[in-house]
Amino acid sequence: MKCPNCGDRTAVDLDTHSSGFSADESPVKECGTCGLVWRITMKAGENVIDIIKPADSKE
């Protein structure tokens, strides 16, 4: 899956079922390049990107 922040495709699925963030229909992803953590959910028939953790800032 393509990162909505940097466009890289090195996303990793995070298994966070115990904390309630992830579900089979909207798994949590983390970008291996910028560090953004997100999931895509369906709201009112539209795909919506939920940002869980913003991308790492470049210093």
PDB file of N, CA and C in Angstrom:
ATOM      1  N   MET A   1       0.833  -1.171   0.000  1.00  0.00           N
ATOM      2  CA  MET A   1       0.000   0.000   0.000  1.00  0.00           C
ATOM      3  C   MET A   1       0.886   1.245   0.000  1.00  0.00           C
ATOM      4  N   LYS A   2       0.463   2.239  -0.722  1.00  0.00           N
ATOM      5  CA  LYS A   2       1.216   3.486  -0.869  1.00  0.00           C
ATOM      6  C   LYS A   2       0.966   4.408   0.329  1.00  0.00           C
ATOM      7  N   CYS A   3       2.035   4.951   0.890  1.00  0.00           N
ATOM      8  CA  CYS A   3       1.934   5.869   2.019  1.00  0.00           C
ATOM      9  C   CYS A   3       1.253   7.165   1.574  1.00  0.00           C
ATOM     10  N   PRO A   4       0.223   7.625   2.307  1.00  0.00           N
ATOM     11  CA  PRO A   4      -0.451   8.863   1.929  1.00  0.00           C
ATOM     12  C   PRO A   4       0.401  10.112   2.175  1.00  0.00           C
ATOM     13  N   ASN A   5       1.504   9.990   2.911  1.00  0.00           N
ATOM     14  CA  ASN A   5       2.356  11.135   3.208  1.00  0.00           C
ATOM     15  C   ASN A   5       3.504  11.259   2.209  1.00  0.00           C
ATOM     16  N   CYS A   6       4.317  10.205   2.075  1.00  0.00           N
ATOM     17  CA  CYS A   6       5.516  10.298   1.234  1.00  0.00           C
ATOM     18  C   CYS A   6       5.419   9.511  -0.068  1.00  0.00           C
ATOM     19  N   GLY A   7       4.403   8.655  -0.199  1.00  0.00           N
ATOM     20  CA  GLY A   7       4.218   7.899  -1.430  1.00  0.00           C
ATOM     21  C   GLY A   7       5.033   6.620  -1.511  1.00  0.00           C
ATOM     22  N   ASP A   8       5.827   6.310  -0.490  1.00  0.00           N
ATOM     23  CA  ASP A   8       6.631   5.093  -0.503  1.00  0.00           C
ATOM     24  C   ASP A   8       5.726   3.879  -0.331  1.00  0.00           C
ATOM     25  N   ARG A   9       6.186   2.732  -0.745  1.00  0.00           N
ATOM     26  CA  ARG A   9       5.379   1.517  -0.671  1.00  0.00           C
ATOM     27  C   ARG A   9       5.938   0.499   0.321  1.00  0.00           C
ATOM     28  N   THR A  10       6.711   0.939   1.317  1.00  0.00           N
ATOM     29  CA  THR A  10       7.269   0.014   2.301  1.00  0.00           C
ATOM     30  C   THR A  10       6.455   0.039   3.595  1.00  0.00           C
ATOM     31  N   ALA A  11       5.129  -0.053   3.464  1.00  0.00           N
ATOM     32  CA  ALA A  11       4.254  -0.060   4.632  1.00  0.00           C
ATOM     33  C   ALA A  11       4.314  -1.423   5.314  1.00  0.00           C
ATOM     34  N   VAL A  12       4.154  -1.393   6.611  1.00  0.00           N
ATOM     35  CA  VAL A  12       4.164  -2.601   7.418  1.00  0.00           C
ATOM     36  C   VAL A  12       2.850  -2.670   8.178  1.00  0.00           C
ATOM     37  N   ASP A  13       2.183  -3.839   8.159  1.00  0.00           N
ATOM     38  CA  ASP A  13       0.979  -4.015   8.970  1.00  0.00           C
ATOM     39  C   ASP A  13       1.377  -4.115  10.427  1.00  0.00           C
ATOM     40  N   LEU A  14       0.674  -3.412  11.289  1.00  0.00           N
ATOM     41  CA  LEU A  14       0.925  -3.488  12.727  1.00  0.00           C
ATOM     42  C   LEU A  14      -0.181  -4.321  13.357  1.00  0.00           C
ATOM     43  N   ASP A  15       0.194  -5.306  14.153  1.00  0.00           N
ATOM     44  CA  ASP A  15      -0.785  -6.152  14.819  1.00  0.00           C
ATOM     45  C   ASP A  15      -1.063  -5.569  16.195  1.00  0.00           C
ATOM     46  N   THR A  16      -2.085  -4.727  16.284  1.00  0.00           N
ATOM     47  CA  THR A  16      -2.398  -4.049  17.541  1.00  0.00           C
ATOM     48  C   THR A  16      -3.814  -4.372  17.990  1.00  0.00           C
ATOM     49  N   HIS A  17      -4.246  -5.601  17.755  1.00  0.00           N
ATOM     50  CA  HIS A  17      -5.605  -5.988  18.133  1.00  0.00           C
ATOM     51  C   HIS A  17      -5.856  -5.832  19.632  1.00  0.00           C
ATOM     52  N   SER A  18      -4.863  -6.096  20.455  1.00  0.00           N
ATOM     53  CA  SER A  18      -5.070  -6.030  21.903  1.00  0.00           C
ATOM     54  C   SER A  18      -5.364  -4.614  22.382  1.00  0.00           C
ATOM     55  N   SER A  19      -4.860  -3.605  21.681  1.00  0.00           N
ATOM     56  CA  SER A  19      -5.121  -2.227  22.099  1.00  0.00           C
ATOM     57  C   SER A  19      -6.328  -1.628  21.390  1.00  0.00           C
ATOM     58  N   GLY A  20      -6.934  -2.370  20.493  1.00  0.00           N
ATOM     59  CA  GLY A  20      -8.159  -1.915  19.863  1.00  0.00           C
ATOM     60  C   GLY A  20      -7.988  -1.050  18.627  1.00  0.00           C
ATOM     61  N   PHE A  21      -6.772  -0.810  18.162  1.00  0.00           N
ATOM     62  CA  PHE A  21      -6.574   0.039  16.999  1.00  0.00           C
ATOM     63  C   PHE A  21      -6.850  -0.670  15.690  1.00  0.00           C
ATOM     64  N   SER A  22      -6.546  -1.945  15.610  1.00  0.00           N
ATOM     65  CA  SER A  22      -6.590  -2.629  14.330  1.00  0.00           C
ATOM     66  C   SER A  22      -7.793  -3.561  14.228  1.00  0.00           C
ATOM     67  N   ALA A  23      -8.247  -3.738  13.021  1.00  0.00           N
ATOM     68  CA  ALA A  23      -9.297  -4.689  12.714  1.00  0.00           C
ATOM     69  C   ALA A  23      -8.987  -5.272  11.346  1.00  0.00           C
ATOM     70  N   ASP A  24      -9.533  -6.438  11.069  1.00  0.00           N
ATOM     71  CA  ASP A  24      -9.246  -7.082   9.790  1.00  0.00           C
ATOM     72  C   ASP A  24      -9.668  -6.224   8.604  1.00  0.00           C
ATOM     73  N   GLU A  25     -10.764  -5.483   8.724  1.00  0.00           N
ATOM     74  CA  GLU A  25     -11.234  -4.673   7.609  1.00  0.00           C
ATOM     75  C   GLU A  25     -10.504  -3.341   7.482  1.00  0.00           C
ATOM     76  N   SER A  26      -9.801  -2.894   8.530  1.00  0.00           N
ATOM     77  CA  SER A  26      -9.029  -1.651   8.440  1.00  0.00           C
ATOM     78  C   SER A  26      -7.729  -1.782   9.247  1.00  0.00           C
ATOM     79  N   PRO A  27      -6.795  -2.575   8.739  1.00  0.00           N
ATOM     80  CA  PRO A  27      -5.548  -2.783   9.483  1.00  0.00           C
ATOM     81  C   PRO A  27      -4.709  -1.510   9.570  1.00  0.00           C
ATOM     82  N   VAL A  28      -3.991  -1.383  10.670  1.00  0.00           N
ATOM     83  CA  VAL A  28      -3.111  -0.237  10.884  1.00  0.00           C
ATOM     84  C   VAL A  28      -1.825  -0.480  10.102  1.00  0.00           C
ATOM     85  N   LYS A  29      -1.363   0.558   9.398  1.00  0.00           N
ATOM     86  CA  LYS A  29      -0.136   0.480   8.597  1.00  0.00           C
ATOM     87  C   LYS A  29       0.872   1.484   9.126  1.00  0.00           C
ATOM     88  N   GLU A  30       2.161   1.165   8.978  1.00  0.00           N
ATOM     89  CA  GLU A  30       3.228   2.101   9.314  1.00  0.00           C
ATOM     90  C   GLU A  30       4.172   2.195   8.131  1.00  0.00           C
ATOM     91  N   CYS A  31       4.522   3.412   7.726  1.00  0.00           N
ATOM     92  CA  CYS A  31       5.452   3.615   6.623  1.00  0.00           C
ATOM     93  C   CYS A  31       6.874   3.402   7.124  1.00  0.00           C
ATOM     94  N   GLY A  32       7.628   2.564   6.430  1.00  0.00           N
ATOM     95  CA  GLY A  32       9.009   2.304   6.800  1.00  0.00           C
ATOM     96  C   GLY A  32       9.940   3.453   6.477  1.00  0.00           C
ATOM     97  N   THR A  33       9.493   4.413   5.675  1.00  0.00           N
ATOM     98  CA  THR A  33      10.332   5.540   5.284  1.00  0.00           C
ATOM     99  C   THR A  33      10.109   6.766   6.166  1.00  0.00           C
ATOM    100  N   CYS A  34       8.867   7.217   6.290  1.00  0.00           N
ATOM    101  CA  CYS A  34       8.607   8.464   7.023  1.00  0.00           C
ATOM    102  C   CYS A  34       8.047   8.251   8.421  1.00  0.00           C
ATOM    103  N   GLY A  35       7.609   7.042   8.744  1.00  0.00           N
ATOM    104  CA  GLY A  35       7.116   6.751  10.081  1.00  0.00           C
ATOM    105  C   GLY A  35       5.640   7.027  10.316  1.00  0.00           C
ATOM    106  N   LEU A  36       4.910   7.476   9.297  1.00  0.00           N
ATOM    107  CA  LEU A  36       3.485   7.736   9.435  1.00  0.00           C
ATOM    108  C   LEU A  36       2.755   6.448   9.806  1.00  0.00           C
ATOM    109  N   VAL A  37       1.818   6.522  10.747  1.00  0.00           N
ATOM    110  CA  VAL A  37       0.985   5.381  11.102  1.00  0.00           C
ATOM    111  C   VAL A  37      -0.455   5.764  10.764  1.00  0.00           C
ATOM    112  N   TRP A  38      -1.133   4.931   9.953  1.00  0.00           N
ATOM    113  CA  TRP A  38      -2.468   5.253   9.484  1.00  0.00           C
ATOM    114  C   TRP A  38      -3.284   4.001   9.255  1.00  0.00           C
ATOM    115  N   ARG A  39      -4.568   4.211   9.043  1.00  0.00           N
ATOM    116  CA  ARG A  39      -5.456   3.151   8.582  1.00  0.00           C
ATOM    117  C   ARG A  39      -6.513   3.781   7.699  1.00  0.00           C
ATOM    118  N   ILE A  40      -7.087   2.987   6.846  1.00  0.00           N
ATOM    119  CA  ILE A  40      -8.149   3.468   5.962  1.00  0.00           C
ATOM    120  C   ILE A  40      -9.456   2.852   6.435  1.00  0.00           C
ATOM    121  N   THR A  41     -10.424   3.708   6.717  1.00  0.00           N
ATOM    122  CA  THR A  41     -11.736   3.252   7.159  1.00  0.00           C
ATOM    123  C   THR A  41     -12.794   3.718   6.171  1.00  0.00           C
ATOM    124  N   MET A  42     -13.955   3.112   6.262  1.00  0.00           N
ATOM    125  CA  MET A  42     -15.073   3.477   5.401  1.00  0.00           C
ATOM    126  C   MET A  42     -16.079   4.267   6.227  1.00  0.00           C
ATOM    127  N   LYS A  43     -16.335   5.512   5.810  1.00  0.00           N
ATOM    128  CA  LYS A  43     -17.321   6.356   6.487  1.00  0.00           C
ATOM    129  C   LYS A  43     -18.256   6.942   5.440  1.00  0.00           C
ATOM    130  N   ALA A  44     -19.521   6.692   5.617  1.00  0.00           N
ATOM    131  CA  ALA A  44     -20.556   7.188   4.694  1.00  0.00           C
ATOM    132  C   ALA A  44     -20.257   6.789   3.256  1.00  0.00           C
ATOM    133  N   GLY A  45     -19.756   5.559   3.068  1.00  0.00           N
ATOM    134  CA  GLY A  45     -19.484   5.055   1.735  1.00  0.00           C
ATOM    135  C   GLY A  45     -18.203   5.563   1.100  1.00  0.00           C
ATOM    136  N   GLU A  46     -17.393   6.321   1.832  1.00  0.00           N
ATOM    137  CA  GLU A  46     -16.137   6.882   1.314  1.00  0.00           C
ATOM    138  C   GLU A  46     -14.957   6.330   2.113  1.00  0.00           C
ATOM    139  N   ASN A  47     -13.833   6.092   1.440  1.00  0.00           N
ATOM    140  CA  ASN A  47     -12.605   5.716   2.137  1.00  0.00           C
ATOM    141  C   ASN A  47     -11.998   6.948   2.781  1.00  0.00           C
ATOM    142  N   VAL A  48     -11.691   6.855   4.067  1.00  0.00           N
ATOM    143  CA  VAL A  48     -11.135   7.963   4.832  1.00  0.00           C
ATOM    144  C   VAL A  48      -9.833   7.501   5.470  1.00  0.00           C
ATOM    145  N   ILE A  49      -8.783   8.319   5.376  1.00  0.00           N
ATOM    146  CA  ILE A  49      -7.493   7.997   5.986  1.00  0.00           C
ATOM    147  C   ILE A  49      -7.474   8.565   7.400  1.00  0.00           C
ATOM    148  N   ASP A  50      -7.318   7.679   8.383  1.00  0.00           N
ATOM    149  CA  ASP A  50      -7.186   8.090   9.779  1.00  0.00           C
ATOM    150  C   ASP A  50      -5.702   8.089  10.123  1.00  0.00           C
ATOM    151  N   ILE A  51      -5.156   9.250  10.456  1.00  0.00           N
ATOM    152  CA  ILE A  51      -3.756   9.362  10.864  1.00  0.00           C
ATOM    153  C   ILE A  51      -3.693   9.077  12.360  1.00  0.00           C
ATOM    154  N   ILE A  52      -2.953   8.044  12.740  1.00  0.00           N
ATOM    155  CA  ILE A  52      -2.816   7.663  14.135  1.00  0.00           C
ATOM    156  C   ILE A  52      -1.575   8.311  14.732  1.00  0.00           C
ATOM    157  N   LYS A  53      -0.488   8.354  13.959  1.00  0.00           N
ATOM    158  CA  LYS A  53       0.752   9.010  14.385  1.00  0.00           C
ATOM    159  C   LYS A  53       1.318   9.749  13.186  1.00  0.00           C
ATOM    160  N   PRO A  54       1.580  11.052  13.331  1.00  0.00           N
ATOM    161  CA  PRO A  54       2.126  11.809  12.202  1.00  0.00           C
ATOM    162  C   PRO A  54       3.514  11.305  11.797  1.00  0.00           C
ATOM    163  N   ALA A  55       3.914  11.658  10.604  1.00  0.00           N
ATOM    164  CA  ALA A  55       5.234  11.278  10.100  1.00  0.00           C
ATOM    165  C   ALA A  55       6.319  11.918  10.957  1.00  0.00           C
ATOM    166  N   ASP A  56       7.472  11.254  11.017  1.00  0.00           N
ATOM    167  CA  ASP A  56       8.615  11.793  11.744  1.00  0.00           C
ATOM    168  C   ASP A  56       9.049  13.090  11.076  1.00  0.00           C
ATOM    169  N   SER A  57       9.353  14.091  11.883  1.00  0.00           N
ATOM    170  CA  SER A  57       9.817  15.360  11.316  1.00  0.00           C
ATOM    171  C   SER A  57      11.280  15.247  10.953  1.00  0.00           C
ATOM    172  N   LYS A  58      11.652  15.870   9.844  1.00  0.00           N
ATOM    173  CA  LYS A  58      13.046  15.857   9.397  1.00  0.00           C
ATOM    174  C   LYS A  58      13.760  17.039  10.026  1.00  0.00           C
ATOM    175  N   GLU A  59      14.888  16.778  10.649  1.00  0.00           N
ATOM    176  CA  GLU A  59      15.646  17.866  11.288  1.00  0.00           C
ATOM    177  C   GLU A  59      16.915  18.128  10.563  1.00  0.00           C
TER     178      GLU A  59
END
